[in-house]
Amino acid sequence: MATPAPISALGDLFGNAVSAIIALAGIALFIMLLTGGVGYITSGGEPKAVEGAKNKITYAIGGLLLILVSYLILVVIEAVTGAPVTEFHIVVPTP
C-alpha cells in the first residue's frame, strides 16, 4: 500500500497548478489573437464581422493585461512587505 502524500506537498501542487494555468492562459491568448486576426482579414469589410474580430482581439489583450497587472500587484506587495507572496509554502505545525 502506498503512503499518502504529506500536507506539505500541497504547496508544490498549488504552485504547479498556477504555473499550468498561466501557461494555458498564454496559449488561449495566442489562439484568440490568431482567430481574431484571421477573422479580421477574412471579414471582407462586413461591419459585424469586423466588429466581432476587433472585440476578440480587444478581449484577448485585456485578459493579458489583467493577468500581468495581477502578478505585478503580487510582486509589489512582496517588495513592500517582504512577505513571499509569489512563493507557495505550506507550513505544517509539528506536534
PDB file of N, CA and C in Angstrom:
ATOM      1  N   MET A   1       0.844  -1.170   0.000  1.00  0.00           N
ATOM      2  CA  MET A   1       0.000   0.000   0.000  1.00  0.00           C
ATOM      3  C   MET A   1       0.896   1.242   0.000  1.00  0.00           C
ATOM      4  N   ALA A   2       0.545   2.200  -0.824  1.00  0.00           N
ATOM      5  CA  ALA A   2       1.333   3.426  -0.941  1.00  0.00           C
ATOM      6  C   ALA A   2       1.021   4.357   0.223  1.00  0.00           C
ATOM      7  N   THR A   3       2.026   5.089   0.626  1.00  0.00           N
ATOM      8  CA  THR A   3       1.815   6.051   1.710  1.00  0.00           C
ATOM      9  C   THR A   3       1.196   7.324   1.141  1.00  0.00           C
ATOM     10  N   PRO A   4       0.311   7.950   1.899  1.00  0.00           N
ATOM     11  CA  PRO A   4      -0.319   9.177   1.389  1.00  0.00           C
ATOM     12  C   PRO A   4       0.685  10.322   1.324  1.00  0.00           C
ATOM     13  N   ALA A   5       0.404  11.248   0.451  1.00  0.00           N
ATOM     14  CA  ALA A   5       1.271  12.414   0.298  1.00  0.00           C
ATOM     15  C   ALA A   5       1.146  13.308   1.529  1.00  0.00           C
ATOM     16  N   PRO A   6       2.236  13.898   1.962  1.00  0.00           N
ATOM     17  CA  PRO A   6       2.148  14.782   3.129  1.00  0.00           C
ATOM     18  C   PRO A   6       1.473  16.104   2.776  1.00  0.00           C
ATOM     19  N   ILE A   7       0.971  16.772   3.799  1.00  0.00           N
ATOM     20  CA  ILE A   7       0.302  18.060   3.607  1.00  0.00           C
ATOM     21  C   ILE A   7       1.248  19.077   2.969  1.00  0.00           C
ATOM     22  N   SER A   8       2.521  18.992   3.282  1.00  0.00           N
ATOM     23  CA  SER A   8       3.476  19.964   2.741  1.00  0.00           C
ATOM     24  C   SER A   8       3.594  19.863   1.219  1.00  0.00           C
ATOM     25  N   ALA A   9       3.177  18.745   0.640  1.00  0.00           N
ATOM     26  CA  ALA A   9       3.220  18.590  -0.819  1.00  0.00           C
ATOM     27  C   ALA A   9       2.146  19.418  -1.511  1.00  0.00           C
ATOM     28  N   LEU A  10       1.156  19.899  -0.767  1.00  0.00           N
ATOM     29  CA  LEU A  10       0.104  20.728  -1.369  1.00  0.00           C
ATOM     30  C   LEU A  10       0.661  22.044  -1.906  1.00  0.00           C
ATOM     31  N   GLY A  11       1.692  22.585  -1.262  1.00  0.00           N
ATOM     32  CA  GLY A  11       2.311  23.819  -1.758  1.00  0.00           C
ATOM     33  C   GLY A  11       2.891  23.626  -3.140  1.00  0.00           C
ATOM     34  N   ASP A  12       3.590  22.503  -3.340  1.00  0.00           N
ATOM     35  CA  ASP A  12       4.143  22.202  -4.668  1.00  0.00           C
ATOM     36  C   ASP A  12       3.030  21.978  -5.682  1.00  0.00           C
ATOM     37  N   LEU A  13       1.989  21.281  -5.258  1.00  0.00           N
ATOM     38  CA  LEU A  13       0.864  21.015  -6.151  1.00  0.00           C
ATOM     39  C   LEU A  13       0.197  22.323  -6.572  1.00  0.00           C
ATOM     40  N   PHE A  14      -0.003  23.219  -5.613  1.00  0.00           N
ATOM     41  CA  PHE A  14      -0.629  24.504  -5.920  1.00  0.00           C
ATOM     42  C   PHE A  14       0.258  25.345  -6.830  1.00  0.00           C
ATOM     43  N   GLY A  15       1.558  25.362  -6.567  1.00  0.00           N
ATOM     44  CA  GLY A  15       2.489  26.099  -7.419  1.00  0.00           C
ATOM     45  C   GLY A  15       2.502  25.571  -8.840  1.00  0.00           C
ATOM     46  N   ASN A  16       2.474  24.252  -8.977  1.00  0.00           N
ATOM     47  CA  ASN A  16       2.439  23.652 -10.320  1.00  0.00           C
ATOM     48  C   ASN A  16       1.126  23.967 -11.025  1.00  0.00           C
ATOM     49  N   ALA A  17       0.021  23.974 -10.271  1.00  0.00           N
ATOM     50  CA  ALA A  17      -1.277  24.286 -10.875  1.00  0.00           C
ATOM     51  C   ALA A  17      -1.307  25.718 -11.375  1.00  0.00           C
ATOM     52  N   VAL A  18      -0.763  26.648 -10.603  1.00  0.00           N
ATOM     53  CA  VAL A  18      -0.741  28.057 -11.028  1.00  0.00           C
ATOM     54  C   VAL A  18       0.121  28.216 -12.278  1.00  0.00           C
ATOM     55  N   SER A  19       1.266  27.535 -12.312  1.00  0.00           N
ATOM     56  CA  SER A  19       2.132  27.602 -13.496  1.00  0.00           C
ATOM     57  C   SER A  19       1.416  27.057 -14.727  1.00  0.00           C
ATOM     58  N   ALA A  20       0.688  25.960 -14.546  1.00  0.00           N
ATOM     59  CA  ALA A  20      -0.041  25.375 -15.673  1.00  0.00           C
ATOM     60  C   ALA A  20      -1.158  26.300 -16.144  1.00  0.00           C
ATOM     61  N   ILE A  21      -1.844  26.933 -15.218  1.00  0.00           N
ATOM     62  CA  ILE A  21      -2.934  27.846 -15.585  1.00  0.00           C
ATOM     63  C   ILE A  21      -2.393  29.055 -16.343  1.00  0.00           C
ATOM     64  N   ILE A  22      -1.258  29.576 -15.908  1.00  0.00           N
ATOM     65  CA  ILE A  22      -0.655  30.713 -16.609  1.00  0.00           C
ATOM     66  C   ILE A  22      -0.236  30.305 -18.025  1.00  0.00           C
ATOM     67  N   ALA A  23       0.315  29.095 -18.159  1.00  0.00           N
ATOM     68  CA  ALA A  23       0.694  28.612 -19.487  1.00  0.00           C
ATOM     69  C   ALA A  23      -0.540  28.449 -20.379  1.00  0.00           C
ATOM     70  N   LEU A  24      -1.616  27.906 -19.831  1.00  0.00           N
ATOM     71  CA  LEU A  24      -2.853  27.753 -20.606  1.00  0.00           C
ATOM     72  C   LEU A  24      -3.445  29.115 -20.979  1.00  0.00           C
ATOM     73  N   ALA A  25      -3.313  30.092 -20.103  1.00  0.00           N
ATOM     74  CA  ALA A  25      -3.792  31.441 -20.424  1.00  0.00           C
ATOM     75  C   ALA A  25      -2.993  32.030 -21.586  1.00  0.00           C
ATOM     76  N   GLY A  26      -1.699  31.774 -21.609  1.00  0.00           N
ATOM     77  CA  GLY A  26      -0.873  32.234 -22.729  1.00  0.00           C
ATOM     78  C   GLY A  26      -1.264  31.579 -24.038  1.00  0.00           C
ATOM     79  N   ILE A  27      -1.552  30.284 -23.975  1.00  0.00           N
ATOM     80  CA  ILE A  27      -1.987  29.571 -25.183  1.00  0.00           C
ATOM     81  C   ILE A  27      -3.341  30.097 -25.651  1.00  0.00           C
ATOM     82  N   ALA A  28      -4.254  30.330 -24.702  1.00  0.00           N
ATOM     83  CA  ALA A  28      -5.571  30.867 -25.061  1.00  0.00           C
ATOM     84  C   ALA A  28      -5.439  32.256 -25.674  1.00  0.00           C
ATOM     85  N   LEU A  29      -4.533  33.074 -25.123  1.00  0.00           N
ATOM     86  CA  LEU A  29      -4.289  34.407 -25.678  1.00  0.00           C
ATOM     87  C   LEU A  29      -3.831  34.305 -27.128  1.00  0.00           C
ATOM     88  N   PHE A  30      -2.869  33.422 -27.376  1.00  0.00           N
ATOM     89  CA  PHE A  30      -2.352  33.263 -28.730  1.00  0.00           C
ATOM     90  C   PHE A  30      -3.458  32.824 -29.685  1.00  0.00           C
ATOM     91  N   ILE A  31      -4.274  31.858 -29.264  1.00  0.00           N
ATOM     92  CA  ILE A  31      -5.349  31.353 -30.129  1.00  0.00           C
ATOM     93  C   ILE A  31      -6.381  32.452 -30.390  1.00  0.00           C
ATOM     94  N   MET A  32      -6.728  33.223 -29.347  1.00  0.00           N
ATOM     95  CA  MET A  32      -7.711  34.297 -29.548  1.00  0.00           C
ATOM     96  C   MET A  32      -7.173  35.384 -30.469  1.00  0.00           C
ATOM     97  N   LEU A  33      -5.901  35.732 -30.304  1.00  0.00           N
ATOM     98  CA  LEU A  33      -5.315  36.734 -31.210  1.00  0.00           C
ATOM     99  C   LEU A  33      -5.258  36.214 -32.639  1.00  0.00           C
ATOM    100  N   LEU A  34      -4.908  34.946 -32.792  1.00  0.00           N
ATOM    101  CA  LEU A  34      -4.824  34.350 -34.120  1.00  0.00           C
ATOM    102  C   LEU A  34      -6.192  34.298 -34.795  1.00  0.00           C
ATOM    103  N   THR A  35      -7.213  33.817 -34.074  1.00  0.00           N
ATOM    104  CA  THR A  35      -8.540  33.730 -34.682  1.00  0.00           C
ATOM    105  C   THR A  35      -9.138  35.116 -34.907  1.00  0.00           C
ATOM    106  N   GLY A  36      -8.848  36.062 -34.011  1.00  0.00           N
ATOM    107  CA  GLY A  36      -9.321  37.429 -34.228  1.00  0.00           C
ATOM    108  C   GLY A  36      -8.677  38.062 -35.447  1.00  0.00           C
ATOM    109  N   GLY A  37      -7.374  37.825 -35.613  1.00  0.00           N
ATOM    110  CA  GLY A  37      -6.679  38.363 -36.781  1.00  0.00           C
ATOM    111  C   GLY A  37      -7.173  37.748 -38.083  1.00  0.00           C
ATOM    112  N   VAL A  38      -7.354  36.441 -38.069  1.00  0.00           N
ATOM    113  CA  VAL A  38      -7.869  35.769 -39.274  1.00  0.00           C
ATOM    114  C   VAL A  38      -9.292  36.243 -39.555  1.00  0.00           C
ATOM    115  N   GLY A  39     -10.099  36.397 -38.515  1.00  0.00           N
ATOM    116  CA  GLY A  39     -11.464  36.889 -38.702  1.00  0.00           C
ATOM    117  C   GLY A  39     -11.488  38.291 -39.261  1.00  0.00           C
ATOM    118  N   TYR A  40     -10.553  39.110 -38.825  1.00  0.00           N
ATOM    119  CA  TYR A  40     -10.476  40.487 -39.325  1.00  0.00           C
ATOM    120  C   TYR A  40     -10.066  40.510 -40.794  1.00  0.00           C
ATOM    121  N   ILE A  41      -9.081  39.673 -41.136  1.00  0.00           N
ATOM    122  CA  ILE A  41      -8.596  39.638 -42.519  1.00  0.00           C
ATOM    123  C   ILE A  41      -9.666  39.096 -43.462  1.00  0.00           C
ATOM    124  N   THR A  42     -10.390  38.078 -43.020  1.00  0.00           N
ATOM    125  CA  THR A  42     -11.378  37.425 -43.890  1.00  0.00           C
ATOM    126  C   THR A  42     -12.770  38.034 -43.782  1.00  0.00           C
ATOM    127  N   SER A  43     -12.926  39.134 -43.064  1.00  0.00           N
ATOM    128  CA  SER A  43     -14.256  39.725 -42.875  1.00  0.00           C
ATOM    129  C   SER A  43     -14.808  40.328 -44.157  1.00  0.00           C
ATOM    130  N   GLY A  44     -13.945  40.711 -45.049  1.00  0.00           N
ATOM    131  CA  GLY A  44     -14.406  41.284 -46.314  1.00  0.00           C
ATOM    132  C   GLY A  44     -15.081  42.639 -46.138  1.00  0.00           C
ATOM    133  N   GLY A  45     -14.796  43.306 -45.048  1.00  0.00           N
ATOM    134  CA  GLY A  45     -15.374  44.629 -44.827  1.00  0.00           C
ATOM    135  C   GLY A  45     -16.763  44.608 -44.235  1.00  0.00           C
ATOM    136  N   GLU A  46     -17.296  43.425 -43.940  1.00  0.00           N
ATOM    137  CA  GLU A  46     -18.626  43.331 -43.339  1.00  0.00           C
ATOM    138  C   GLU A  46     -18.563  43.888 -41.910  1.00  0.00           C
ATOM    139  N   PRO A  47     -19.377  44.888 -41.604  1.00  0.00           N
ATOM    140  CA  PRO A  47     -19.251  45.580 -40.308  1.00  0.00           C
ATOM    141  C   PRO A  47     -19.382  44.663 -39.088  1.00  0.00           C
ATOM    142  N   LYS A  48     -20.330  43.716 -39.104  1.00  0.00           N
ATOM    143  CA  LYS A  48     -20.499  42.825 -37.952  1.00  0.00           C
ATOM    144  C   LYS A  48     -19.289  41.930 -37.759  1.00  0.00           C
ATOM    145  N   ALA A  49     -18.740  41.415 -38.835  1.00  0.00           N
ATOM    146  CA  ALA A  49     -17.580  40.532 -38.747  1.00  0.00           C
ATOM    147  C   ALA A  49     -16.347  41.300 -38.292  1.00  0.00           C
ATOM    148  N   VAL A  50     -16.178  42.513 -38.791  1.00  0.00           N
ATOM    149  CA  VAL A  50     -15.040  43.337 -38.379  1.00  0.00           C
ATOM    150  C   VAL A  50     -15.147  43.663 -36.900  1.00  0.00           C
ATOM    151  N   GLU A  51     -16.333  44.037 -36.457  1.00  0.00           N
ATOM    152  CA  GLU A  51     -16.539  44.375 -35.045  1.00  0.00           C
ATOM    153  C   GLU A  51     -16.299  43.163 -34.142  1.00  0.00           C
ATOM    154  N   GLY A  52     -16.772  41.991 -34.568  1.00  0.00           N
ATOM    155  CA  GLY A  52     -16.546  40.780 -33.781  1.00  0.00           C
ATOM    156  C   GLY A  52     -15.066  40.433 -33.673  1.00  0.00           C
ATOM    157  N   ALA A  53     -14.343  40.573 -34.766  1.00  0.00           N
ATOM    158  CA  ALA A  53     -12.911  40.285 -34.749  1.00  0.00           C
ATOM    159  C   ALA A  53     -12.163  41.292 -33.881  1.00  0.00           C
ATOM    160  N   LYS A  54     -12.529  42.564 -33.968  1.00  0.00           N
ATOM    161  CA  LYS A  54     -11.893  43.584 -33.133  1.00  0.00           C
ATOM    162  C   LYS A  54     -12.168  43.321 -31.656  1.00  0.00           C
ATOM    163  N   ASN A  55     -13.401  42.928 -31.348  1.00  0.00           N
ATOM    164  CA  ASN A  55     -13.740  42.622 -29.959  1.00  0.00           C
ATOM    165  C   ASN A  55     -12.927  41.446 -29.432  1.00  0.00           C
ATOM    166  N   LYS A  56     -12.752  40.419 -30.253  1.00  0.00           N
ATOM    167  CA  LYS A  56     -11.984  39.255 -29.820  1.00  0.00           C
ATOM    168  C   LYS A  56     -10.538  39.637 -29.525  1.00  0.00           C
ATOM    169  N   ILE A  57      -9.951  40.445 -30.387  1.00  0.00           N
ATOM    170  CA  ILE A  57      -8.578  40.907 -30.171  1.00  0.00           C
ATOM    171  C   ILE A  57      -8.499  41.787 -28.925  1.00  0.00           C
ATOM    172  N   THR A  58      -9.476  42.673 -28.746  1.00  0.00           N
ATOM    173  CA  THR A  58      -9.503  43.555 -27.577  1.00  0.00           C
ATOM    174  C   THR A  58      -9.622  42.751 -26.289  1.00  0.00           C
ATOM    175  N   TYR A  59     -10.507  41.754 -26.270  1.00  0.00           N
ATOM    176  CA  TYR A  59     -10.687  40.936 -25.064  1.00  0.00           C
ATOM    177  C   TYR A  59      -9.447  40.110 -24.767  1.00  0.00           C
ATOM    178  N   ALA A  60      -8.764  39.635 -25.800  1.00  0.00           N
ATOM    179  CA  ALA A  60      -7.539  38.867 -25.589  1.00  0.00           C
ATOM    180  C   ALA A  60      -6.458  39.745 -24.962  1.00  0.00           C
ATOM    181  N   ILE A  61      -6.289  40.938 -25.468  1.00  0.00           N
ATOM    182  CA  ILE A  61      -5.286  41.855 -24.912  1.00  0.00           C
ATOM    183  C   ILE A  61      -5.698  42.294 -23.504  1.00  0.00           C
ATOM    184  N   GLY A  62      -6.989  42.516 -23.287  1.00  0.00           N
ATOM    185  CA  GLY A  62      -7.478  42.865 -21.950  1.00  0.00           C
ATOM    186  C   GLY A  62      -7.220  41.754 -20.944  1.00  0.00           C
ATOM    187  N   GLY A  63      -7.412  40.507 -21.344  1.00  0.00           N
ATOM    188  CA  GLY A  63      -7.124  39.376 -20.464  1.00  0.00           C
ATOM    189  C   GLY A  63      -5.647  39.281 -20.133  1.00  0.00           C
ATOM    190  N   LEU A  64      -4.803  39.519 -21.125  1.00  0.00           N
ATOM    191  CA  LEU A  64      -3.357  39.511 -20.889  1.00  0.00           C
ATOM    192  C   LEU A  64      -2.976  40.606 -19.894  1.00  0.00           C
ATOM    193  N   LEU A  65      -3.527  41.795 -20.081  1.00  0.00           N
ATOM    194  CA  LEU A  65      -3.239  42.891 -19.157  1.00  0.00           C
ATOM    195  C   LEU A  65      -3.724  42.572 -17.750  1.00  0.00           C
ATOM    196  N   LEU A  66      -4.873  41.920 -17.630  1.00  0.00           N
ATOM    197  CA  LEU A  66      -5.395  41.547 -16.321  1.00  0.00           C
ATOM    198  C   LEU A  66      -4.452  40.575 -15.615  1.00  0.00           C
ATOM    199  N   ILE A  67      -3.950  39.598 -16.334  1.00  0.00           N
ATOM    200  CA  ILE A  67      -3.008  38.636 -15.757  1.00  0.00           C
ATOM    201  C   ILE A  67      -1.716  39.337 -15.350  1.00  0.00           C
ATOM    202  N   LEU A  68      -1.193  40.192 -16.214  1.00  0.00           N
ATOM    203  CA  LEU A  68       0.059  40.884 -15.905  1.00  0.00           C
ATOM    204  C   LEU A  68      -0.086  41.841 -14.721  1.00  0.00           C
ATOM    205  N   VAL A  69      -1.184  42.576 -14.656  1.00  0.00           N
ATOM    206  CA  VAL A  69      -1.403  43.502 -13.548  1.00  0.00           C
ATOM    207  C   VAL A  69      -1.582  42.727 -12.239  1.00  0.00           C
ATOM    208  N   SER A  70      -2.256  41.589 -12.290  1.00  0.00           N
ATOM    209  CA  SER A  70      -2.426  40.774 -11.082  1.00  0.00           C
ATOM    210  C   SER A  70      -1.079  40.321 -10.555  1.00  0.00           C
ATOM    211  N   TYR A  71      -0.221  39.850 -11.431  1.00  0.00           N
ATOM    212  CA  TYR A  71       1.103  39.415 -10.997  1.00  0.00           C
ATOM    213  C   TYR A  71       1.933  40.602 -10.509  1.00  0.00           C
ATOM    214  N   LEU A  72       1.809  41.734 -11.179  1.00  0.00           N
ATOM    215  CA  LEU A  72       2.535  42.932 -10.762  1.00  0.00           C
ATOM    216  C   LEU A  72       2.119  43.367  -9.357  1.00  0.00           C
ATOM    217  N   ILE A  73       0.842  43.281  -9.046  1.00  0.00           N
ATOM    218  CA  ILE A  73       0.362  43.623  -7.714  1.00  0.00           C
ATOM    219  C   ILE A  73       0.993  42.700  -6.676  1.00  0.00           C
ATOM    220  N   LEU A  74       1.082  41.407  -6.972  1.00  0.00           N
ATOM    221  CA  LEU A  74       1.711  40.470  -6.045  1.00  0.00           C
ATOM    222  C   LEU A  74       3.183  40.800  -5.835  1.00  0.00           C
ATOM    223  N   VAL A  75       3.883  41.162  -6.903  1.00  0.00           N
ATOM    224  CA  VAL A  75       5.300  41.499  -6.792  1.00  0.00           C
ATOM    225  C   VAL A  75       5.482  42.776  -5.965  1.00  0.00           C
ATOM    226  N   VAL A  76       4.607  43.752  -6.155  1.00  0.00           N
ATOM    227  CA  VAL A  76       4.690  44.993  -5.382  1.00  0.00           C
ATOM    228  C   VAL A  76       4.418  44.716  -3.905  1.00  0.00           C
ATOM    229  N   ILE A  77       3.417  43.882  -3.616  1.00  0.00           N
ATOM    230  CA  ILE A  77       3.132  43.522  -2.222  1.00  0.00           C
ATOM    231  C   ILE A  77       4.347  42.833  -1.609  1.00  0.00           C
ATOM    232  N   GLU A  78       4.975  41.957  -2.389  1.00  0.00           N
ATOM    233  CA  GLU A  78       6.167  41.259  -1.886  1.00  0.00           C
ATOM    234  C   GLU A  78       7.317  42.235  -1.629  1.00  0.00           C
ATOM    235  N   ALA A  79       7.497  43.214  -2.509  1.00  0.00           N
ATOM    236  CA  ALA A  79       8.582  44.177  -2.341  1.00  0.00           C
ATOM    237  C   ALA A  79       8.334  45.102  -1.150  1.00  0.00           C
ATOM    238  N   VAL A  80       7.089  45.494  -0.931  1.00  0.00           N
ATOM    239  CA  VAL A  80       6.776  46.434   0.141  1.00  0.00           C
ATOM    240  C   VAL A  80       6.790  45.749   1.505  1.00  0.00           C
ATOM    241  N   THR A  81       6.163  44.572   1.586  1.00  0.00           N
ATOM    242  CA  THR A  81       6.019  43.913   2.885  1.00  0.00           C
ATOM    243  C   THR A  81       7.134  42.929   3.190  1.00  0.00           C
ATOM    244  N   GLY A  82       7.792  42.429   2.174  1.00  0.00           N
ATOM    245  CA  GLY A  82       8.810  41.406   2.377  1.00  0.00           C
ATOM    246  C   GLY A  82       8.231  40.007   2.503  1.00  0.00           C
ATOM    247  N   ALA A  83       6.923  39.890   2.461  1.00  0.00           N
ATOM    248  CA  ALA A  83       6.276  38.573   2.536  1.00  0.00           C
ATOM    249  C   ALA A  83       6.368  37.898   1.175  1.00  0.00           C
ATOM    250  N   PRO A  84       6.829  36.658   1.115  1.00  0.00           N
ATOM    251  CA  PRO A  84       6.988  35.984  -0.179  1.00  0.00           C
ATOM    252  C   PRO A  84       5.655  35.476  -0.737  1.00  0.00           C
ATOM    253  N   VAL A  85       4.844  36.388  -1.275  1.00  0.00           N
ATOM    254  CA  VAL A  85       3.516  36.011  -1.760  1.00  0.00           C
ATOM    255  C   VAL A  85       3.550  35.326  -3.125  1.00  0.00           C
ATOM    256  N   THR A  86       4.673  35.358  -3.821  1.00  0.00           N
ATOM    257  CA  THR A  86       4.766  34.684  -5.113  1.00  0.00           C
ATOM    258  C   THR A  86       5.342  33.279  -4.978  1.00  0.00           C
ATOM    259  N   GLU A  87       5.673  32.885  -3.754  1.00  0.00           N
ATOM    260  CA  GLU A  87       6.172  31.539  -3.495  1.00  0.00           C
ATOM    261  C   GLU A  87       5.125  30.800  -2.665  1.00  0.00           C
ATOM    262  N   PHE A  88       4.948  29.525  -2.942  1.00  0.00           N
ATOM    263  CA  PHE A  88       3.911  28.753  -2.270  1.00  0.00           C
ATOM    264  C   PHE A  88       4.554  27.777  -1.302  1.00  0.00           C
ATOM    265  N   HIS A  89       4.299  27.990  -0.018  1.00  0.00           N
ATOM    266  CA  HIS A  89       4.790  27.104   1.021  1.00  0.00           C
ATOM    267  C   HIS A  89       3.668  26.842   2.003  1.00  0.00           C
ATOM    268  N   ILE A  90       3.476  25.599   2.355  1.00  0.00           N
ATOM    269  CA  ILE A  90       2.508  25.257   3.388  1.00  0.00           C
ATOM    270  C   ILE A  90       3.287  24.872   4.622  1.00  0.00           C
ATOM    271  N   VAL A  91       3.034  25.569   5.687  1.00  0.00           N
ATOM    272  CA  VAL A  91       3.727  25.311   6.949  1.00  0.00           C
ATOM    273  C   VAL A  91       2.906  24.306   7.739  1.00  0.00           C
ATOM    274  N   VAL A  92       3.522  23.194   8.053  1.00  0.00           N
ATOM    275  CA  VAL A  92       2.852  22.144   8.825  1.00  0.00           C
ATOM    276  C   VAL A  92       3.393  22.216  10.246  1.00  0.00           C
ATOM    277  N   PRO A  93       2.521  22.469  11.213  1.00  0.00           N
ATOM    278  CA  PRO A  93       2.996  22.528  12.596  1.00  0.00           C
ATOM    279  C   PRO A  93       3.437  21.146  13.071  1.00  0.00           C
ATOM    280  N   THR A  94       4.506  21.125  13.816  1.00  0.00           N
ATOM    281  CA  THR A  94       4.982  19.855  14.372  1.00  0.00           C
ATOM    282  C   THR A  94       4.440  19.706  15.791  1.00  0.00           C
ATOM    283  N   PRO A  95       4.005  18.516  16.123  1.00  0.00           N
ATOM    284  CA  PRO A  95       3.401  18.318  17.458  1.00  0.00           C
ATOM    285  C   PRO A  95       4.441  18.340  18.553  1.00  0.00           C
TER     286      PRO A  95
END
